[in-house]
Amino acid sequence: MKKVILLVFTIFSIQLQAQSTNKTNKLNFGLELDALPYATGGYFGAGWIGSNKWRGRALFADVNKPDFVTKDGFTKHHIKAYTVLLDRFLKDDWKGWWIGAGPVYWKSNIQSNNSNATKSFDNFLLNGSLGYSFSIYKNIYISPWAGLSFNVSGNDTFVLDNKAYNLPLLNPEASVKFGIYF
């Protein structure tokens, strides 16, 4: 985890030195926090780099999926997610509508609700997201968003405590991001 954070900040510092003076081609970078993982007792961090209306994002999240969205018979679905996304804004200056997509790796752990039996499993997903960025103050923004992740591969089905589990084919998400860009 520390290596990923160090790599992201190294890329950002190199990017700052390479910035163009032409505003339309200027590289920007930003940092984001997402409310959903913190609301579930986890954490989130994202960094991005972009030019014109395009940006590439790398993020990690630690999420405790609420039981009301976890399959009956299971509890404490804990997910560590690692994602790389490509986003496209419709307006300049990282404002307004954006759409993004990219691969996602989920490392999960889940527990039976009848015992302490747990199972770890991995999945690869493809994510599509849509959001809207509002400027709060100068380069500080808020961005409500929604996304849908399509389960591509991984541990499709397993049995835990005599109950079958499979990650759904489609996994919806929605939250609010807070960010700053430079």
C-alpha atoms as a PDB file:
ATOM      1  CA  MET A   1       0.000   0.000   0.000  1.00  0.00           C
ATOM      2  CA  LYS A   2       2.784   2.420   0.904  1.00  0.00           C
ATOM      3  CA  LYS A   3       4.554   1.600  -2.367  1.00  0.00           C
ATOM      4  CA  VAL A   4       1.419   2.478  -4.355  1.00  0.00           C
ATOM      5  CA  ILE A   5       1.050   5.817  -2.567  1.00  0.00           C
ATOM      6  CA  LEU A   6       4.749   6.591  -3.089  1.00  0.00           C
ATOM      7  CA  LEU A   7       4.449   5.709  -6.794  1.00  0.00           C
ATOM      8  CA  VAL A   8       1.391   7.948  -7.248  1.00  0.00           C
ATOM      9  CA  PHE A   9       3.064  10.940  -5.616  1.00  0.00           C
ATOM     10  CA  THR A  10       6.277  10.356  -7.600  1.00  0.00           C
ATOM     11  CA  ILE A  11       4.283  10.404 -10.829  1.00  0.00           C
ATOM     12  CA  PHE A  12       2.570  13.595  -9.716  1.00  0.00           C
ATOM     13  CA  SER A  13       5.837  15.351  -8.895  1.00  0.00           C
ATOM     14  CA  ILE A  14       7.331  14.363 -12.270  1.00  0.00           C
ATOM     15  CA  GLN A  15       4.161  15.589 -13.948  1.00  0.00           C
ATOM     16  CA  LEU A  16       4.425  18.969 -12.230  1.00  0.00           C
ATOM     17  CA  GLN A  17       7.895  19.478 -13.664  1.00  0.00           C
ATOM     18  CA  ALA A  18       6.629  18.610 -17.161  1.00  0.00           C
ATOM     19  CA  GLN A  19       3.628  20.947 -17.210  1.00  0.00           C
ATOM     20  CA  SER A  20       3.075  22.909 -20.374  1.00  0.00           C
ATOM     21  CA  THR A  21       2.492  26.657 -20.368  1.00  0.00           C
ATOM     22  CA  ASN A  22      -0.299  26.246 -22.936  1.00  0.00           C
ATOM     23  CA  LYS A  23      -3.476  26.088 -20.806  1.00  0.00           C
ATOM     24  CA  THR A  24      -5.349  23.762 -23.170  1.00  0.00           C
ATOM     25  CA  ASN A  25      -2.558  21.171 -23.031  1.00  0.00           C
ATOM     26  CA  LYS A  26      -1.615  21.671 -19.391  1.00  0.00           C
ATOM     27  CA  LEU A  27      -1.359  18.549 -17.305  1.00  0.00           C
ATOM     28  CA  ASN A  28      -3.247  18.614 -14.028  1.00  0.00           C
ATOM     29  CA  PHE A  29      -3.282  16.144 -11.197  1.00  0.00           C
ATOM     30  CA  GLY A  30      -5.710  15.661  -8.388  1.00  0.00           C
ATOM     31  CA  LEU A  31      -6.480  13.738  -5.236  1.00  0.00           C
ATOM     32  CA  GLU A  32      -9.888  12.400  -4.218  1.00  0.00           C
ATOM     33  CA  LEU A  33     -11.689  10.911  -1.225  1.00  0.00           C
ATOM     34  CA  ASP A  34     -14.977   9.051  -1.518  1.00  0.00           C
ATOM     35  CA  ALA A  35     -17.613   9.147   1.243  1.00  0.00           C
ATOM     36  CA  LEU A  36     -18.979   5.584   0.830  1.00  0.00           C
ATOM     37  CA  PRO A  37     -15.972   3.588   2.089  1.00  0.00           C
ATOM     38  CA  TYR A  38     -15.620   5.869   5.132  1.00  0.00           C
ATOM     39  CA  ALA A  39     -19.366   5.502   5.868  1.00  0.00           C
ATOM     40  CA  THR A  40     -18.900   1.707   6.003  1.00  0.00           C
ATOM     41  CA  GLY A  41     -15.856   1.867   8.296  1.00  0.00           C
ATOM     42  CA  GLY A  42     -13.278   1.602   5.509  1.00  0.00           C
ATOM     43  CA  TYR A  43     -11.119   4.045   3.604  1.00  0.00           C
ATOM     44  CA  PHE A  44     -10.444   5.325   0.087  1.00  0.00           C
ATOM     45  CA  GLY A  45      -7.765   7.162  -1.823  1.00  0.00           C
ATOM     46  CA  ALA A  46      -7.460   8.163  -5.462  1.00  0.00           C
ATOM     47  CA  GLY A  47      -5.043  10.114  -7.561  1.00  0.00           C
ATOM     48  CA  TRP A  48      -5.456  11.252 -11.123  1.00  0.00           C
ATOM     49  CA  ILE A  49      -3.538  12.940 -13.903  1.00  0.00           C
ATOM     50  CA  GLY A  50      -5.128  14.519 -16.946  1.00  0.00           C
ATOM     51  CA  SER A  51      -5.028  16.960 -19.805  1.00  0.00           C
ATOM     52  CA  ASN A  52      -7.783  18.636 -21.815  1.00  0.00           C
ATOM     53  CA  LYS A  53     -10.940  16.689 -21.000  1.00  0.00           C
ATOM     54  CA  TRP A  54      -9.267  13.319 -20.313  1.00  0.00           C
ATOM     55  CA  ARG A  55      -7.927  11.960 -17.051  1.00  0.00           C
ATOM     56  CA  GLY A  56      -6.539   8.674 -15.809  1.00  0.00           C
ATOM     57  CA  ARG A  57      -7.368   7.666 -12.243  1.00  0.00           C
ATOM     58  CA  ALA A  58      -5.884   5.056  -9.936  1.00  0.00           C
ATOM     59  CA  LEU A  59      -7.705   4.259  -6.723  1.00  0.00           C
ATOM     60  CA  PHE A  60      -7.868   1.884  -3.831  1.00  0.00           C
ATOM     61  CA  ALA A  61     -10.787   1.315  -1.494  1.00  0.00           C
ATOM     62  CA  ASP A  62     -11.456  -0.701   1.616  1.00  0.00           C
ATOM     63  CA  VAL A  63     -15.215  -1.214   1.938  1.00  0.00           C
ATOM     64  CA  ASN A  64     -17.425  -3.149   4.323  1.00  0.00           C
ATOM     65  CA  LYS A  65     -20.440  -3.969   2.177  1.00  0.00           C
ATOM     66  CA  PRO A  66     -23.667  -3.474   4.184  1.00  0.00           C
ATOM     67  CA  ASP A  67     -25.572  -6.663   5.003  1.00  0.00           C
ATOM     68  CA  PHE A  68     -28.747  -5.376   3.293  1.00  0.00           C
ATOM     69  CA  VAL A  69     -26.930  -5.604  -0.077  1.00  0.00           C
ATOM     70  CA  THR A  70     -25.182  -8.899   0.731  1.00  0.00           C
ATOM     71  CA  LYS A  71     -26.747 -12.213  -0.261  1.00  0.00           C
ATOM     72  CA  ASP A  72     -28.989 -13.755   2.426  1.00  0.00           C
ATOM     73  CA  GLY A  73     -27.121 -16.167   4.670  1.00  0.00           C
ATOM     74  CA  PHE A  74     -23.885 -14.143   4.555  1.00  0.00           C
ATOM     75  CA  THR A  75     -22.514 -11.173   6.463  1.00  0.00           C
ATOM     76  CA  LYS A  76     -19.415  -8.998   6.839  1.00  0.00           C
ATOM     77  CA  HIS A  77     -18.541  -8.835   3.139  1.00  0.00           C
ATOM     78  CA  HIS A  78     -15.242  -6.951   3.192  1.00  0.00           C
ATOM     79  CA  ILE A  79     -13.777  -5.748  -0.123  1.00  0.00           C
ATOM     80  CA  LYS A  80     -10.381  -4.322  -0.978  1.00  0.00           C
ATOM     81  CA  ALA A  81     -10.673  -2.801  -4.452  1.00  0.00           C
ATOM     82  CA  TYR A  82      -7.920  -1.631  -6.798  1.00  0.00           C
ATOM     83  CA  THR A  83      -8.947   0.212  -9.956  1.00  0.00           C
ATOM     84  CA  VAL A  84      -7.519   2.083 -12.931  1.00  0.00           C
ATOM     85  CA  LEU A  85     -10.016   4.221 -14.850  1.00  0.00           C
ATOM     86  CA  LEU A  86     -10.062   6.506 -17.868  1.00  0.00           C
ATOM     87  CA  ASP A  87     -12.494   9.434 -17.593  1.00  0.00           C
ATOM     88  CA  ARG A  88     -13.793  11.921 -20.149  1.00  0.00           C
ATOM     89  CA  PHE A  89     -15.301  15.290 -19.189  1.00  0.00           C
ATOM     90  CA  LEU A  90     -17.755  17.133 -21.428  1.00  0.00           C
ATOM     91  CA  LYS A  91     -16.545  20.572 -20.238  1.00  0.00           C
ATOM     92  CA  ASP A  92     -13.123  22.078 -19.586  1.00  0.00           C
ATOM     93  CA  ASP A  93     -11.484  22.617 -16.180  1.00  0.00           C
ATOM     94  CA  TRP A  94     -12.669  19.295 -14.717  1.00  0.00           C
ATOM     95  CA  LYS A  95     -16.251  20.541 -14.271  1.00  0.00           C
ATOM     96  CA  GLY A  96     -19.641  19.173 -15.244  1.00  0.00           C
ATOM     97  CA  TRP A  97     -20.527  15.716 -16.510  1.00  0.00           C
ATOM     98  CA  TRP A  98     -17.919  12.974 -16.812  1.00  0.00           C
ATOM     99  CA  ILE A  99     -18.021   9.334 -17.846  1.00  0.00           C
ATOM    100  CA  GLY A 100     -15.386   6.735 -17.031  1.00  0.00           C
ATOM    101  CA  ALA A 101     -14.510   3.072 -17.370  1.00  0.00           C
ATOM    102  CA  GLY A 102     -11.797   0.610 -16.441  1.00  0.00           C
ATOM    103  CA  PRO A 103     -10.795  -2.701 -14.845  1.00  0.00           C
ATOM    104  CA  VAL A 104     -11.321  -3.443 -11.150  1.00  0.00           C
ATOM    105  CA  TYR A 105      -9.731  -6.076  -8.895  1.00  0.00           C
ATOM    106  CA  TRP A 106     -11.679  -7.071  -5.769  1.00  0.00           C
ATOM    107  CA  LYS A 107     -10.080  -9.049  -2.960  1.00  0.00           C
ATOM    108  CA  SER A 108     -12.978 -10.087  -0.749  1.00  0.00           C
ATOM    109  CA  ASN A 109     -13.699 -11.847   2.495  1.00  0.00           C
ATOM    110  CA  ILE A 110     -17.177 -12.930   3.610  1.00  0.00           C
ATOM    111  CA  GLN A 111     -18.631 -14.676   6.654  1.00  0.00           C
ATOM    112  CA  SER A 112     -21.552 -17.050   7.122  1.00  0.00           C
ATOM    113  CA  ASN A 113     -24.248 -15.515   9.281  1.00  0.00           C
ATOM    114  CA  ASN A 114     -24.697 -18.876  11.077  1.00  0.00           C
ATOM    115  CA  SER A 115     -21.110 -19.257  12.303  1.00  0.00           C
ATOM    116  CA  ASN A 116     -17.657 -17.704  12.225  1.00  0.00           C
ATOM    117  CA  ALA A 117     -16.794 -19.570   9.006  1.00  0.00           C
ATOM    118  CA  THR A 118     -15.224 -17.226   6.452  1.00  0.00           C
ATOM    119  CA  LYS A 119     -14.086 -17.437   2.849  1.00  0.00           C
ATOM    120  CA  SER A 120     -11.633 -15.264   0.905  1.00  0.00           C
ATOM    121  CA  PHE A 121     -12.105 -14.840  -2.838  1.00  0.00           C
ATOM    122  CA  ASP A 122     -10.963 -12.645  -5.745  1.00  0.00           C
ATOM    123  CA  ASN A 123     -12.810 -11.168  -8.706  1.00  0.00           C
ATOM    124  CA  PHE A 124     -11.998  -9.052 -11.744  1.00  0.00           C
ATOM    125  CA  LEU A 125     -14.685  -6.639 -12.865  1.00  0.00           C
ATOM    126  CA  LEU A 126     -15.185  -3.980 -15.531  1.00  0.00           C
ATOM    127  CA  ASN A 127     -16.571  -0.702 -14.236  1.00  0.00           C
ATOM    128  CA  GLY A 128     -18.528   2.044 -15.946  1.00  0.00           C
ATOM    129  CA  SER A 129     -19.208   5.264 -14.032  1.00  0.00           C
ATOM    130  CA  LEU A 130     -20.995   8.560 -14.576  1.00  0.00           C
ATOM    131  CA  GLY A 131     -20.745  11.659 -12.415  1.00  0.00           C
ATOM    132  CA  TYR A 132     -20.969  15.421 -12.208  1.00  0.00           C
ATOM    133  CA  SER A 133     -18.254  17.657 -10.722  1.00  0.00           C
ATOM    134  CA  PHE A 134     -19.265  20.879  -8.974  1.00  0.00           C
ATOM    135  CA  SER A 135     -16.636  23.450  -8.079  1.00  0.00           C
ATOM    136  CA  ILE A 136     -16.817  24.338  -4.368  1.00  0.00           C
ATOM    137  CA  TYR A 137     -13.932  26.801  -4.213  1.00  0.00           C
ATOM    138  CA  LYS A 138     -11.266  27.336  -6.864  1.00  0.00           C
ATOM    139  CA  ASN A 139      -9.787  23.860  -7.501  1.00  0.00           C
ATOM    140  CA  ILE A 140     -11.778  22.060  -4.796  1.00  0.00           C
ATOM    141  CA  TYR A 141     -14.764  20.059  -6.029  1.00  0.00           C
ATOM    142  CA  ILE A 142     -17.528  17.659  -5.073  1.00  0.00           C
ATOM    143  CA  SER A 143     -18.640  14.942  -7.481  1.00  0.00           C
ATOM    144  CA  PRO A 144     -21.698  12.758  -6.946  1.00  0.00           C
ATOM    145  CA  TRP A 145     -21.437   9.632  -9.085  1.00  0.00           C
ATOM    146  CA  ALA A 146     -22.958   6.247  -9.839  1.00  0.00           C
ATOM    147  CA  GLY A 147     -21.362   3.191 -11.360  1.00  0.00           C
ATOM    148  CA  LEU A 148     -21.964  -0.362 -12.398  1.00  0.00           C
ATOM    149  CA  SER A 149     -19.319  -3.087 -12.226  1.00  0.00           C
ATOM    150  CA  PHE A 150     -19.655  -6.178 -14.407  1.00  0.00           C
ATOM    151  CA  ASN A 151     -18.203  -9.374 -12.881  1.00  0.00           C
ATOM    152  CA  VAL A 152     -15.815 -10.751 -15.534  1.00  0.00           C
ATOM    153  CA  SER A 153     -13.919 -13.525 -13.754  1.00  0.00           C
ATOM    154  CA  GLY A 154     -12.844 -14.906 -10.416  1.00  0.00           C
ATOM    155  CA  ASN A 155     -14.339 -17.171  -7.797  1.00  0.00           C
ATOM    156  CA  ASP A 156     -17.771 -17.425  -9.367  1.00  0.00           C
ATOM    157  CA  THR A 157     -19.408 -19.806  -6.889  1.00  0.00           C
ATOM    158  CA  PHE A 158     -18.360 -21.416  -3.635  1.00  0.00           C
ATOM    159  CA  VAL A 159     -19.996 -23.090  -0.656  1.00  0.00           C
ATOM    160  CA  LEU A 160     -19.533 -21.772   2.865  1.00  0.00           C
ATOM    161  CA  ASP A 161     -21.253 -23.333   5.853  1.00  0.00           C
ATOM    162  CA  ASN A 162     -23.513 -25.357   3.484  1.00  0.00           C
ATOM    163  CA  LYS A 163     -24.667 -22.213   1.652  1.00  0.00           C
ATOM    164  CA  ALA A 164     -23.735 -21.344  -1.940  1.00  0.00           C
ATOM    165  CA  TYR A 165     -22.421 -17.874  -2.681  1.00  0.00           C
ATOM    166  CA  ASN A 166     -21.687 -16.148  -5.938  1.00  0.00           C
ATOM    167  CA  LEU A 167     -20.835 -12.513  -6.597  1.00  0.00           C
ATOM    168  CA  PRO A 168     -23.644 -10.986  -8.670  1.00  0.00           C
ATOM    169  CA  LEU A 169     -22.987 -10.382 -12.362  1.00  0.00           C
ATOM    170  CA  LEU A 170     -23.771  -6.653 -11.944  1.00  0.00           C
ATOM    171  CA  ASN A 171     -22.677  -4.664  -8.876  1.00  0.00           C
ATOM    172  CA  PRO A 172     -24.127  -1.123  -8.609  1.00  0.00           C
ATOM    173  CA  GLU A 173     -22.456   1.647  -6.622  1.00  0.00           C
ATOM    174  CA  ALA A 174     -23.185   5.311  -5.869  1.00  0.00           C
ATOM    175  CA  SER A 175     -21.471   7.856  -3.675  1.00  0.00           C
ATOM    176  CA  VAL A 176     -19.958  11.331  -3.480  1.00  0.00           C
ATOM    177  CA  LYS A 177     -16.294  12.181  -4.080  1.00  0.00           C
ATOM    178  CA  PHE A 178     -14.463  15.195  -2.714  1.00  0.00           C
ATOM    179  CA  GLY A 179     -11.345  16.312  -4.525  1.00  0.00           C
ATOM    180  CA  ILE A 180      -8.735  18.909  -5.296  1.00  0.00           C
ATOM    181  CA  TYR A 181      -6.648  19.406  -8.407  1.00  0.00           C
ATOM    182  CA  PHE A 182      -3.414  21.243  -9.126  1.00  0.00           C
END
